[in-house]
């Protein structure tokens, strides 16, 4: 039989020492791992706390933004509602303005405007009325001498004795007399005087705005004239017919017809 050689005492002692050193090393490694684990747990816990705080802050910010948006939307809805109300009010105002303007023009229905009539110093309303009557009787005999003028007055303030005569607004008692004078206005050609209908400032502006279209239509040899605040155009009318039949429409900046040239 083979015999096993037993280890000597020094070798056995060295073996135990190596085992002890290995155990110590393992214990040290374990301690290090536990320390690292504890440090990692602390770091992760702190990180998660920080993340949670940020998340809570973001949630609060989002809630604030949502509240702000809801408030803003409420304001927008209110503004839209107010705008609709304003549109309704504006429409009503425009309707009232139209009615007021219509009433104003109806009140001027019996009026005629005379321009170019000589103005005297300290002229009275009676003087003005007499001048209008004289103009009518001397240039429009077919109208007749029994017309009644309720009142006649100058418009505006005279700036100086050298300035041109102010416009006269005359109101006729009888509308038919007013129409007769208006139809006979061509008799004033060759004089410095002329006559036209009396309109509100709003209608005068509309008529002035239509003047470029009126002139363009006439340039195309179309019969064109202004009726109240509307432009009336007929196609393909020769110039002779237009010049003899059309109502007077030329304006001089105040919405009135300028005097005819000799």
C-alpha atoms as a PDB file:
ATOM      1  CA  UNK A   1       0.000   0.000   0.000  1.00  0.00           C
ATOM      2  CA  UNK A   2       1.084   3.411  -0.696  1.00  0.00           C
ATOM      3  CA  UNK A   3       1.530   5.589   2.270  1.00  0.00           C
ATOM      4  CA  UNK A   4       0.317   9.258   2.385  1.00  0.00           C
ATOM      5  CA  UNK A   5       2.801  11.742   3.517  1.00  0.00           C
ATOM      6  CA  UNK A   6       1.394  13.905   6.336  1.00  0.00           C
ATOM      7  CA  UNK A   7       1.876  17.688   6.192  1.00  0.00           C
ATOM      8  CA  UNK A   8       4.304  19.240   8.503  1.00  0.00           C
ATOM      9  CA  UNK A   9       3.174  21.624  11.234  1.00  0.00           C
ATOM     10  CA  UNK A  10       4.593  24.764   9.507  1.00  0.00           C
ATOM     11  CA  UNK A  11       2.699  24.033   6.327  1.00  0.00           C
ATOM     12  CA  UNK A  12      -0.551  23.533   8.172  1.00  0.00           C
ATOM     13  CA  UNK A  13      -0.081  26.844  10.036  1.00  0.00           C
ATOM     14  CA  UNK A  14       0.574  28.714   6.785  1.00  0.00           C
ATOM     15  CA  UNK A  15      -2.583  27.210   5.328  1.00  0.00           C
ATOM     16  CA  UNK A  16      -4.655  28.495   8.193  1.00  0.00           C
ATOM     17  CA  UNK A  17      -3.120  31.935   7.825  1.00  0.00           C
ATOM     18  CA  UNK A  18      -4.054  32.075   4.142  1.00  0.00           C
ATOM     19  CA  UNK A  19      -7.629  31.067   4.978  1.00  0.00           C
ATOM     20  CA  UNK A  20      -7.811  33.787   7.619  1.00  0.00           C
ATOM     21  CA  UNK A  21      -6.464  36.403   5.210  1.00  0.00           C
ATOM     22  CA  UNK A  22      -9.020  35.325   2.603  1.00  0.00           C
ATOM     23  CA  UNK A  23     -11.824  35.606   5.148  1.00  0.00           C
ATOM     24  CA  UNK A  24     -10.620  39.064   6.165  1.00  0.00           C
ATOM     25  CA  UNK A  25     -10.524  40.184   2.545  1.00  0.00           C
ATOM     26  CA  UNK A  26     -14.029  38.888   1.938  1.00  0.00           C
ATOM     27  CA  UNK A  27     -15.261  40.680   5.051  1.00  0.00           C
ATOM     28  CA  UNK A  28     -13.634  43.923   3.886  1.00  0.00           C
ATOM     29  CA  UNK A  29     -15.162  43.583   0.433  1.00  0.00           C
ATOM     30  CA  UNK A  30     -18.535  42.922   2.007  1.00  0.00           C
ATOM     31  CA  UNK A  31     -18.212  46.036   4.146  1.00  0.00           C
ATOM     32  CA  UNK A  32     -17.266  48.074   1.101  1.00  0.00           C
ATOM     33  CA  UNK A  33     -20.227  46.720  -0.814  1.00  0.00           C
ATOM     34  CA  UNK A  34     -22.538  47.530   2.064  1.00  0.00           C
ATOM     35  CA  UNK A  35     -21.131  51.073   2.245  1.00  0.00           C
ATOM     36  CA  UNK A  36     -21.564  51.539  -1.489  1.00  0.00           C
ATOM     37  CA  UNK A  37     -25.055  50.133  -1.290  1.00  0.00           C
ATOM     38  CA  UNK A  38     -25.912  52.541   1.524  1.00  0.00           C
ATOM     39  CA  UNK A  39     -24.400  55.470  -0.376  1.00  0.00           C
ATOM     40  CA  UNK A  40     -26.263  54.488  -3.542  1.00  0.00           C
ATOM     41  CA  UNK A  41     -29.538  54.203  -1.614  1.00  0.00           C
ATOM     42  CA  UNK A  42     -28.995  57.653  -0.096  1.00  0.00           C
ATOM     43  CA  UNK A  43     -28.185  59.141  -3.524  1.00  0.00           C
ATOM     44  CA  UNK A  44     -31.153  57.493  -5.192  1.00  0.00           C
ATOM     45  CA  UNK A  45     -33.451  58.590  -2.360  1.00  0.00           C
ATOM     46  CA  UNK A  46     -32.214  62.182  -2.595  1.00  0.00           C
ATOM     47  CA  UNK A  47     -32.505  62.109  -6.389  1.00  0.00           C
ATOM     48  CA  UNK A  48     -36.031  60.754  -6.241  1.00  0.00           C
ATOM     49  CA  UNK A  49     -36.972  63.384  -3.663  1.00  0.00           C
ATOM     50  CA  UNK A  50     -35.621  66.073  -5.987  1.00  0.00           C
ATOM     51  CA  UNK A  51     -37.486  64.584  -8.953  1.00  0.00           C
ATOM     52  CA  UNK A  52     -40.685  64.413  -6.935  1.00  0.00           C
ATOM     53  CA  UNK A  53     -40.292  68.042  -5.897  1.00  0.00           C
ATOM     54  CA  UNK A  54     -39.797  69.065  -9.531  1.00  0.00           C
ATOM     55  CA  UNK A  55     -42.768  66.969 -10.632  1.00  0.00           C
ATOM     56  CA  UNK A  56     -44.924  68.576  -7.950  1.00  0.00           C
ATOM     57  CA  UNK A  57     -43.736  72.004  -9.106  1.00  0.00           C
ATOM     58  CA  UNK A  58     -44.501  71.147 -12.734  1.00  0.00           C
ATOM     59  CA  UNK A  59     -47.952  69.888 -11.751  1.00  0.00           C
ATOM     60  CA  UNK A  60     -48.610  73.177  -9.939  1.00  0.00           C
ATOM     61  CA  UNK A  61     -47.332  75.167 -12.945  1.00  0.00           C
ATOM     62  CA  UNK A  62     -49.525  73.173 -15.339  1.00  0.00           C
ATOM     63  CA  UNK A  63     -52.504  73.698 -13.050  1.00  0.00           C
ATOM     64  CA  UNK A  64     -51.744  77.420 -12.946  1.00  0.00           C
ATOM     65  CA  UNK A  65     -51.418  77.578 -16.712  1.00  0.00           C
ATOM     66  CA  UNK A  66     -54.674  75.685 -17.112  1.00  0.00           C
ATOM     67  CA  UNK A  67     -56.425  78.071 -14.746  1.00  0.00           C
ATOM     68  CA  UNK A  68     -54.927  81.013 -16.625  1.00  0.00           C
ATOM     69  CA  UNK A  69     -56.036  79.570 -19.961  1.00  0.00           C
ATOM     70  CA  UNK A  70     -59.531  78.988 -18.630  1.00  0.00           C
ATOM     71  CA  UNK A  71     -59.628  82.599 -17.398  1.00  0.00           C
ATOM     72  CA  UNK A  72     -58.248  83.860 -20.712  1.00  0.00           C
ATOM     73  CA  UNK A  73     -60.796  81.794 -22.627  1.00  0.00           C
ATOM     74  CA  UNK A  74     -63.487  83.315 -20.456  1.00  0.00           C
ATOM     75  CA  UNK A  75     -62.168  86.765 -21.308  1.00  0.00           C
ATOM     76  CA  UNK A  76     -62.066  85.873 -25.020  1.00  0.00           C
ATOM     77  CA  UNK A  77     -65.652  84.632 -24.857  1.00  0.00           C
ATOM     78  CA  UNK A  78     -66.648  87.838 -23.108  1.00  0.00           C
ATOM     79  CA  UNK A  79     -64.838  89.927 -25.703  1.00  0.00           C
ATOM     80  CA  UNK A  80     -66.558  88.026 -28.518  1.00  0.00           C
ATOM     81  CA  UNK A  81     -69.880  88.602 -26.811  1.00  0.00           C
ATOM     82  CA  UNK A  82     -69.101  92.297 -26.349  1.00  0.00           C
ATOM     83  CA  UNK A  83     -67.967  92.565 -29.976  1.00  0.00           C
ATOM     84  CA  UNK A  84     -71.246  91.058 -31.137  1.00  0.00           C
ATOM     85  CA  UNK A  85     -73.082  93.504 -28.904  1.00  0.00           C
ATOM     86  CA  UNK A  86     -71.007  96.377 -30.305  1.00  0.00           C
ATOM     87  CA  UNK A  87     -71.786  95.253 -33.841  1.00  0.00           C
ATOM     88  CA  UNK A  88     -75.456  95.272 -32.968  1.00  0.00           C
ATOM     89  CA  UNK A  89     -75.160  98.723 -31.405  1.00  0.00           C
ATOM     90  CA  UNK A  90     -73.175  99.976 -34.410  1.00  0.00           C
ATOM     91  CA  UNK A  91     -75.822  98.600 -36.752  1.00  0.00           C
ATOM     92  CA  UNK A  92     -78.524 100.355 -34.738  1.00  0.00           C
ATOM     93  CA  UNK A  93     -76.546 103.602 -34.781  1.00  0.00           C
ATOM     94  CA  UNK A  94     -76.074 103.376 -38.543  1.00  0.00           C
ATOM     95  CA  UNK A  95     -79.793 102.699 -38.935  1.00  0.00           C
ATOM     96  CA  UNK A  96     -80.609 105.723 -36.778  1.00  0.00           C
ATOM     97  CA  UNK A  97     -78.121 107.852 -38.735  1.00  0.00           C
ATOM     98  CA  UNK A  98     -79.812 106.793 -41.966  1.00  0.00           C
ATOM     99  CA  UNK A  99     -83.200 107.713 -40.559  1.00  0.00           C
ATOM    100  CA  UNK A 100     -81.926 111.059 -39.259  1.00  0.00           C
ATOM    101  CA  UNK A 101     -80.286 111.806 -42.604  1.00  0.00           C
ATOM    102  CA  UNK A 102     -83.485 110.859 -44.422  1.00  0.00           C
ATOM    103  CA  UNK A 103     -85.501 113.143 -42.147  1.00  0.00           C
ATOM    104  CA  UNK A 104     -82.996 115.949 -42.698  1.00  0.00           C
ATOM    105  CA  UNK A 105     -83.250 115.618 -46.469  1.00  0.00           C
ATOM    106  CA  UNK A 106     -87.040 115.468 -46.261  1.00  0.00           C
ATOM    107  CA  UNK A 107     -86.955 118.718 -44.298  1.00  0.00           C
ATOM    108  CA  UNK A 108     -84.874 120.230 -47.146  1.00  0.00           C
ATOM    109  CA  UNK A 109     -87.296 118.981 -49.791  1.00  0.00           C
ATOM    110  CA  UNK A 110     -88.757 122.438 -50.477  1.00  0.00           C
ATOM    111  CA  UNK A 111     -85.343 124.128 -50.444  1.00  0.00           C
ATOM    112  CA  UNK A 112     -83.164 125.328 -53.292  1.00  0.00           C
ATOM    113  CA  UNK A 113     -79.615 126.648 -53.086  1.00  0.00           C
ATOM    114  CA  UNK A 114     -78.694 129.797 -55.022  1.00  0.00           C
ATOM    115  CA  UNK A 115     -75.078 130.808 -55.572  1.00  0.00           C
ATOM    116  CA  UNK A 116     -73.499 133.759 -57.326  1.00  0.00           C
ATOM    117  CA  UNK A 117     -76.130 136.307 -56.229  1.00  0.00           C
ATOM    118  CA  UNK A 118     -74.485 139.573 -55.218  1.00  0.00           C
ATOM    119  CA  UNK A 119     -74.347 140.165 -51.474  1.00  0.00           C
ATOM    120  CA  UNK A 120     -74.831 143.599 -49.935  1.00  0.00           C
ATOM    121  CA  UNK A 121     -73.335 144.955 -46.747  1.00  0.00           C
ATOM    122  CA  UNK A 122     -75.656 144.454 -43.764  1.00  0.00           C
ATOM    123  CA  UNK A 123     -78.032 142.478 -45.970  1.00  0.00           C
ATOM    124  CA  UNK A 124     -81.239 141.385 -44.189  1.00  0.00           C
ATOM    125  CA  UNK A 125     -83.235 138.206 -44.742  1.00  0.00           C
ATOM    126  CA  UNK A 126     -85.868 140.278 -46.541  1.00  0.00           C
ATOM    127  CA  UNK A 127     -83.190 141.691 -48.830  1.00  0.00           C
ATOM    128  CA  UNK A 128     -81.979 138.169 -49.555  1.00  0.00           C
ATOM    129  CA  UNK A 129     -85.507 136.964 -50.316  1.00  0.00           C
ATOM    130  CA  UNK A 130     -86.109 139.905 -52.661  1.00  0.00           C
ATOM    131  CA  UNK A 131     -82.894 139.137 -54.553  1.00  0.00           C
ATOM    132  CA  UNK A 132     -83.964 135.519 -55.064  1.00  0.00           C
ATOM    133  CA  UNK A 133     -87.397 136.612 -56.284  1.00  0.00           C
ATOM    134  CA  UNK A 134     -85.848 139.150 -58.645  1.00  0.00           C
ATOM    135  CA  UNK A 135     -83.496 136.520 -60.085  1.00  0.00           C
ATOM    136  CA  UNK A 136     -86.438 134.190 -60.712  1.00  0.00           C
ATOM    137  CA  UNK A 137     -88.733 136.821 -62.206  1.00  0.00           C
ATOM    138  CA  UNK A 138     -86.053 138.322 -64.453  1.00  0.00           C
ATOM    139  CA  UNK A 139     -84.632 135.058 -65.833  1.00  0.00           C
ATOM    140  CA  UNK A 140     -87.502 132.579 -65.397  1.00  0.00           C
ATOM    141  CA  UNK A 141     -90.712 134.436 -66.365  1.00  0.00           C
ATOM    142  CA  UNK A 142     -92.510 131.173 -67.091  1.00  0.00           C
ATOM    143  CA  UNK A 143     -92.351 130.297 -63.386  1.00  0.00           C
ATOM    144  CA  UNK A 144     -94.675 133.198 -62.564  1.00  0.00           C
ATOM    145  CA  UNK A 145     -94.474 136.052 -60.133  1.00  0.00           C
ATOM    146  CA  UNK A 146     -96.791 134.697 -57.441  1.00  0.00           C
ATOM    147  CA  UNK A 147     -94.387 132.202 -55.886  1.00  0.00           C
ATOM    148  CA  UNK A 148     -94.082 132.320 -52.100  1.00  0.00           C
ATOM    149  CA  UNK A 149     -90.724 131.986 -50.387  1.00  0.00           C
ATOM    150  CA  UNK A 150     -91.090 131.179 -46.707  1.00  0.00           C
ATOM    151  CA  UNK A 151     -87.556 132.291 -45.917  1.00  0.00           C
ATOM    152  CA  UNK A 152     -84.218 132.885 -47.590  1.00  0.00           C
ATOM    153  CA  UNK A 153     -80.898 133.278 -45.813  1.00  0.00           C
ATOM    154  CA  UNK A 154     -77.179 133.238 -46.470  1.00  0.00           C
ATOM    155  CA  UNK A 155     -75.160 130.258 -45.259  1.00  0.00           C
ATOM    156  CA  UNK A 156     -71.912 130.724 -43.350  1.00  0.00           C
ATOM    157  CA  UNK A 157     -70.106 133.773 -42.106  1.00  0.00           C
ATOM    158  CA  UNK A 158     -68.779 136.343 -44.525  1.00  0.00           C
ATOM    159  CA  UNK A 159     -65.025 136.705 -44.050  1.00  0.00           C
ATOM    160  CA  UNK A 160     -64.480 140.021 -45.865  1.00  0.00           C
ATOM    161  CA  UNK A 161     -66.178 142.489 -48.174  1.00  0.00           C
ATOM    162  CA  UNK A 162     -64.069 141.228 -51.100  1.00  0.00           C
ATOM    163  CA  UNK A 163     -65.008 137.566 -50.681  1.00  0.00           C
ATOM    164  CA  UNK A 164     -67.451 135.904 -53.064  1.00  0.00           C
ATOM    165  CA  UNK A 165     -71.147 136.005 -52.185  1.00  0.00           C
ATOM    166  CA  UNK A 166     -72.305 133.368 -49.756  1.00  0.00           C
ATOM    167  CA  UNK A 167     -74.752 130.686 -50.799  1.00  0.00           C
ATOM    168  CA  UNK A 168     -78.452 131.378 -50.270  1.00  0.00           C
ATOM    169  CA  UNK A 169     -80.826 128.677 -49.063  1.00  0.00           C
ATOM    170  CA  UNK A 170     -84.418 129.500 -49.990  1.00  0.00           C
ATOM    171  CA  UNK A 171     -87.430 127.554 -48.768  1.00  0.00           C
ATOM    172  CA  UNK A 172     -90.512 127.601 -51.016  1.00  0.00           C
ATOM    173  CA  UNK A 173     -93.988 127.305 -49.583  1.00  0.00           C
ATOM    174  CA  UNK A 174     -95.158 125.293 -52.586  1.00  0.00           C
ATOM    175  CA  UNK A 175     -93.120 122.275 -53.722  1.00  0.00           C
ATOM    176  CA  UNK A 176     -94.384 122.718 -57.288  1.00  0.00           C
ATOM    177  CA  UNK A 177     -92.915 126.232 -57.388  1.00  0.00           C
ATOM    178  CA  UNK A 178     -89.613 124.823 -56.230  1.00  0.00           C
ATOM    179  CA  UNK A 179     -89.712 122.223 -59.025  1.00  0.00           C
ATOM    180  CA  UNK A 180     -90.587 124.869 -61.624  1.00  0.00           C
ATOM    181  CA  UNK A 181     -87.589 126.968 -60.622  1.00  0.00           C
ATOM    182  CA  UNK A 182     -85.294 123.923 -60.664  1.00  0.00           C
ATOM    183  CA  UNK A 183     -86.450 122.915 -64.145  1.00  0.00           C
ATOM    184  CA  UNK A 184     -85.908 126.472 -65.425  1.00  0.00           C
ATOM    185  CA  UNK A 185     -82.355 126.677 -64.063  1.00  0.00           C
ATOM    186  CA  UNK A 186     -80.905 126.473 -67.583  1.00  0.00           C
ATOM    187  CA  UNK A 187     -82.162 130.028 -68.089  1.00  0.00           C
ATOM    188  CA  UNK A 188     -79.333 131.150 -65.814  1.00  0.00           C
ATOM    189  CA  UNK A 189     -76.672 130.104 -68.318  1.00  0.00           C
ATOM    190  CA  UNK A 190     -74.456 133.029 -69.156  1.00  0.00           C
ATOM    191  CA  UNK A 191     -74.870 134.557 -65.701  1.00  0.00           C
ATOM    192  CA  UNK A 192     -72.792 134.142 -62.579  1.00  0.00           C
ATOM    193  CA  UNK A 193     -75.745 132.663 -60.729  1.00  0.00           C
ATOM    194  CA  UNK A 194     -76.827 129.052 -60.548  1.00  0.00           C
ATOM    195  CA  UNK A 195     -79.253 126.957 -58.544  1.00  0.00           C
ATOM    196  CA  UNK A 196     -79.269 123.401 -57.263  1.00  0.00           C
ATOM    197  CA  UNK A 197     -81.069 121.155 -54.802  1.00  0.00           C
ATOM    198  CA  UNK A 198     -80.329 121.340 -51.092  1.00  0.00           C
ATOM    199  CA  UNK A 199     -78.926 118.120 -49.628  1.00  0.00           C
ATOM    200  CA  UNK A 200     -77.465 117.051 -46.298  1.00  0.00           C
ATOM    201  CA  UNK A 201     -73.675 116.940 -45.933  1.00  0.00           C
ATOM    202  CA  UNK A 202     -73.826 113.154 -46.011  1.00  0.00           C
ATOM    203  CA  UNK A 203     -75.611 113.068 -49.369  1.00  0.00           C
ATOM    204  CA  UNK A 204     -73.328 115.774 -50.777  1.00  0.00           C
ATOM    205  CA  UNK A 205     -70.300 113.661 -49.858  1.00  0.00           C
ATOM    206  CA  UNK A 206     -71.794 110.598 -51.550  1.00  0.00           C
ATOM    207  CA  UNK A 207     -72.479 112.645 -54.675  1.00  0.00           C
ATOM    208  CA  UNK A 208     -68.922 114.002 -54.678  1.00  0.00           C
ATOM    209  CA  UNK A 209     -67.539 110.460 -54.288  1.00  0.00           C
ATOM    210  CA  UNK A 210     -69.550 109.422 -57.354  1.00  0.00           C
ATOM    211  CA  UNK A 211     -68.220 112.228 -59.553  1.00  0.00           C
ATOM    212  CA  UNK A 212     -65.224 110.243 -60.945  1.00  0.00           C
ATOM    213  CA  UNK A 213     -67.571 107.442 -62.061  1.00  0.00           C
ATOM    214  CA  UNK A 214     -69.951 109.996 -63.540  1.00  0.00           C
ATOM    215  CA  UNK A 215     -67.204 111.638 -65.581  1.00  0.00           C
ATOM    216  CA  UNK A 216     -65.896 108.254 -66.733  1.00  0.00           C
ATOM    217  CA  UNK A 217     -69.375 107.215 -67.906  1.00  0.00           C
ATOM    218  CA  UNK A 218     -69.762 110.449 -69.843  1.00  0.00           C
ATOM    219  CA  UNK A 219     -66.329 110.005 -71.336  1.00  0.00           C
ATOM    220  CA  UNK A 220     -67.638 106.708 -72.753  1.00  0.00           C
ATOM    221  CA  UNK A 221     -70.528 108.624 -74.327  1.00  0.00           C
ATOM    222  CA  UNK A 222     -73.077 107.196 -71.882  1.00  0.00           C
ATOM    223  CA  UNK A 223     -75.988 109.135 -70.505  1.00  0.00           C
ATOM    224  CA  UNK A 224     -75.141 109.570 -66.837  1.00  0.00           C
ATOM    225  CA  UNK A 225     -76.449 111.743 -64.037  1.00  0.00           C
ATOM    226  CA  UNK A 226     -76.824 111.816 -60.269  1.00  0.00           C
ATOM    227  CA  UNK A 227     -80.208 111.275 -58.703  1.00  0.00           C
ATOM    228  CA  UNK A 228     -80.147 112.016 -55.006  1.00  0.00           C
ATOM    229  CA  UNK A 229     -77.151 109.909 -53.819  1.00  0.00           C
ATOM    230  CA  UNK A 230     -77.192 107.396 -56.686  1.00  0.00           C
ATOM    231  CA  UNK A 231     -75.435 107.343 -60.052  1.00  0.00           C
ATOM    232  CA  UNK A 232     -77.756 106.578 -62.976  1.00  0.00           C
ATOM    233  CA  UNK A 233     -76.090 105.397 -66.215  1.00  0.00           C
ATOM    234  CA  UNK A 234     -77.725 104.502 -69.550  1.00  0.00           C
ATOM    235  CA  UNK A 235     -75.690 102.701 -72.176  1.00  0.00           C
ATOM    236  CA  UNK A 236     -74.951 103.919 -75.729  1.00  0.00           C
ATOM    237  CA  UNK A 237     -76.499 107.381 -75.785  1.00  0.00           C
ATOM    238  CA  UNK A 238     -75.140 109.979 -78.189  1.00  0.00           C
ATOM    239  CA  UNK A 239     -73.658 113.191 -76.816  1.00  0.00           C
ATOM    240  CA  UNK A 240     -76.398 115.388 -78.266  1.00  0.00           C
ATOM    241  CA  UNK A 241     -79.104 113.473 -76.398  1.00  0.00           C
ATOM    242  CA  UNK A 242     -77.033 113.458 -73.235  1.00  0.00           C
ATOM    243  CA  UNK A 243     -76.356 117.179 -73.296  1.00  0.00           C
ATOM    244  CA  UNK A 244     -79.993 118.088 -73.921  1.00  0.00           C
ATOM    245  CA  UNK A 245     -81.853 115.610 -71.716  1.00  0.00           C
ATOM    246  CA  UNK A 246     -79.743 114.785 -68.684  1.00  0.00           C
ATOM    247  CA  UNK A 247     -80.432 116.371 -65.285  1.00  0.00           C
ATOM    248  CA  UNK A 248     -77.720 118.750 -63.983  1.00  0.00           C
ATOM    249  CA  UNK A 249     -75.090 116.899 -61.992  1.00  0.00           C
ATOM    250  CA  UNK A 250     -71.794 118.777 -61.982  1.00  0.00           C
ATOM    251  CA  UNK A 251     -70.600 119.732 -58.507  1.00  0.00           C
ATOM    252  CA  UNK A 252     -68.203 122.392 -57.313  1.00  0.00           C
ATOM    253  CA  UNK A 253     -66.841 120.997 -54.071  1.00  0.00           C
ATOM    254  CA  UNK A 254     -69.863 121.971 -51.984  1.00  0.00           C
ATOM    255  CA  UNK A 255     -72.058 119.501 -53.796  1.00  0.00           C
ATOM    256  CA  UNK A 256     -73.756 122.192 -55.871  1.00  0.00           C
ATOM    257  CA  UNK A 257     -73.885 122.774 -59.601  1.00  0.00           C
ATOM    258  CA  UNK A 258     -71.347 125.339 -60.913  1.00  0.00           C
ATOM    259  CA  UNK A 259     -72.477 128.292 -63.010  1.00  0.00           C
ATOM    260  CA  UNK A 260     -72.694 127.698 -66.741  1.00  0.00           C
ATOM    261  CA  UNK A 261     -70.101 129.391 -68.867  1.00  0.00           C
ATOM    262  CA  UNK A 262     -71.081 131.811 -71.609  1.00  0.00           C
END
